[in-house]
Structure formats: structure tokens, C-alpha cells
Protein backbone atom coordinates (compact mmCIF):
# COMPACT_ATOMS: atom_id res chain seq x y z
CA MET A 1 -5.06 6.79 -17.71
CA ARG A 2 -1.53 7.74 -17.84
CA LYS A 3 -1.78 9.71 -14.49
CA GLU A 4 -3.07 6.39 -12.60
CA ILE A 5 -0.16 4.11 -14.01
CA GLN A 6 2.33 6.80 -12.84
CA THR A 7 0.48 6.75 -9.24
CA ASN A 8 0.47 3.10 -9.12
CA LEU A 9 3.93 3.15 -9.99
CA LYS A 10 4.47 5.70 -6.61
CA PHE A 11 1.96 3.45 -4.65
CA VAL A 12 4.85 0.22 -5.71
CA ASP A 13 8.17 2.10 -5.06
CA LEU A 14 6.87 3.01 -1.62
CA LEU A 15 5.54 -0.57 -0.95
CA ASN A 16 8.76 -2.33 -1.84
CA GLU A 17 10.52 0.72 0.15
CA TRP A 18 8.26 -0.61 3.18
CA ASP A 19 9.23 -4.06 2.82
CA PRO A 20 7.82 -5.30 6.13
CA PHE A 21 9.50 -8.47 6.45
CA GLN A 22 12.87 -7.67 4.69
CA LEU A 23 12.38 -9.71 1.66
CA LYS A 24 14.11 -7.21 -0.56
CA ASN A 25 12.50 -5.82 -3.57
CA GLY A 26 10.23 -7.82 -5.81
CA SER A 27 9.02 -9.85 -3.31
CA TYR A 28 5.64 -8.75 -2.49
CA GLU A 29 4.12 -8.58 -6.17
CA THR A 30 0.68 -9.74 -4.84
CA GLU A 31 0.42 -8.49 -1.86
CA ILE A 32 1.36 -4.79 -4.07
CA ALA A 33 -1.51 -5.29 -5.95
CA ASP A 34 -3.92 -6.15 -3.64
CA VAL A 35 -2.68 -3.06 -1.54
CA ILE A 36 -2.93 -0.99 -4.46
CA ALA A 37 -6.42 -2.18 -5.41
CA ALA A 38 -7.31 -1.55 -1.53
CA VAL A 39 -6.00 2.17 -1.89
CA HIS A 40 -8.00 2.84 -4.82
CA GLU A 41 -11.03 1.59 -2.99
CA LEU A 42 -10.55 3.13 0.56
CA ASP A 43 -10.15 6.44 1.57
CA HIS A 44 -10.26 6.12 5.86
CA PRO A 45 -6.57 5.28 6.83
CA LEU A 46 -7.30 3.07 9.73
CA ILE A 47 -9.52 1.10 7.20
CA LEU A 48 -6.85 0.89 4.60
CA ALA A 49 -4.41 0.12 7.70
CA LYS A 50 -6.16 -3.09 8.48
CA ARG A 51 -7.08 -4.22 5.01
CA ILE A 52 -2.81 -3.61 4.26
CA GLN A 53 -2.20 -5.77 7.66
CA THR A 54 -4.78 -8.79 6.57
CA ILE A 55 -3.08 -8.95 2.71
CA TYR A 56 -0.07 -9.51 4.33
CA GLU A 57 -0.67 -11.83 6.91
CA PHE A 58 -2.52 -14.05 4.65
CA SER A 59 0.42 -14.18 2.79
CA PHE A 60 2.90 -14.50 5.17
CA GLU A 61 1.12 -16.02 8.36
CA LYS A 62 2.65 -13.17 10.18
CA LEU A 63 1.12 -9.67 11.90
CA ILE A 64 2.23 -6.52 10.81
CA PRO A 65 2.07 -4.49 14.01
CA LEU A 66 -1.29 -2.03 13.01
CA GLU A 67 1.05 1.19 13.61
CA SER A 68 2.90 -0.01 11.11
CA CYS A 69 0.60 -0.34 8.71
CA LEU A 70 -1.03 2.89 9.45
CA LYS A 71 1.79 5.13 8.73
CA VAL A 72 2.26 3.02 5.11
CA ALA A 73 -1.71 3.87 5.03
CA GLY A 74 -1.17 7.24 5.62
CA GLU A 75 1.55 7.59 2.63
CA LEU A 76 -0.52 5.94 0.50
CA LEU A 77 -3.67 8.02 0.83
CA ASN A 78 -1.22 10.71 0.89
CA ILE A 79 0.34 9.81 -3.00
CA LYS A 80 -3.12 8.94 -3.95
CA ALA A 81 -4.72 12.42 -2.55
CA ASN A 82 -1.61 14.41 -4.14
CA ASP A 83 -2.20 12.80 -7.55
CA SER A 84 -5.61 13.22 -7.67
CA CYS A 85 -5.80 17.11 -7.38
CA SER A 86 -3.55 17.44 -10.24
CA LEU A 87 -5.91 15.53 -12.49
């Protein structure tokens, strides 16, 4: 369980750094929680990217370019893969 918490904290750090609407750290708590749930559920970068795009669009009524979502989805899945290999 401890390893999962560390992985989730890595996800939080990455998503706070991403800051797609330049709102500064701490402004995306709900979206980050939803994205982390999606990362645990999904393994395909494009599907995850579309989910990320939808999560943020729902909250902010602004569309993030899919390319940006795809980049962060890939980074999230990389963290997931690397951390699960060491369990």
C-alpha cells in the first residue's frame, strides 16, 4: 500500500507541474483526483489523454489540446509502469 501512495504522489507532482491553465499549484485538486483514478483504470495513452481532456474541460469549460493531454498521459503511464514493475 505504501508504494501505491508514493506512486500517487508522483502523479500529483506531475499534474501540478503540468498546470494547463497556469493557475499555480493547488488549483486542480478535484481534477487531479479524477485523473489519478483514470490512470489506475486505463492503460492506453490515447484513451487516457481523452479522459484527461474531458475531466479538465468539464471543470474549466476550456479544451486543452489533445497533444498536451497525450504527452501528460504518456508520462503518467510511464510512472505507473515503472512503479508497478518494482512492486
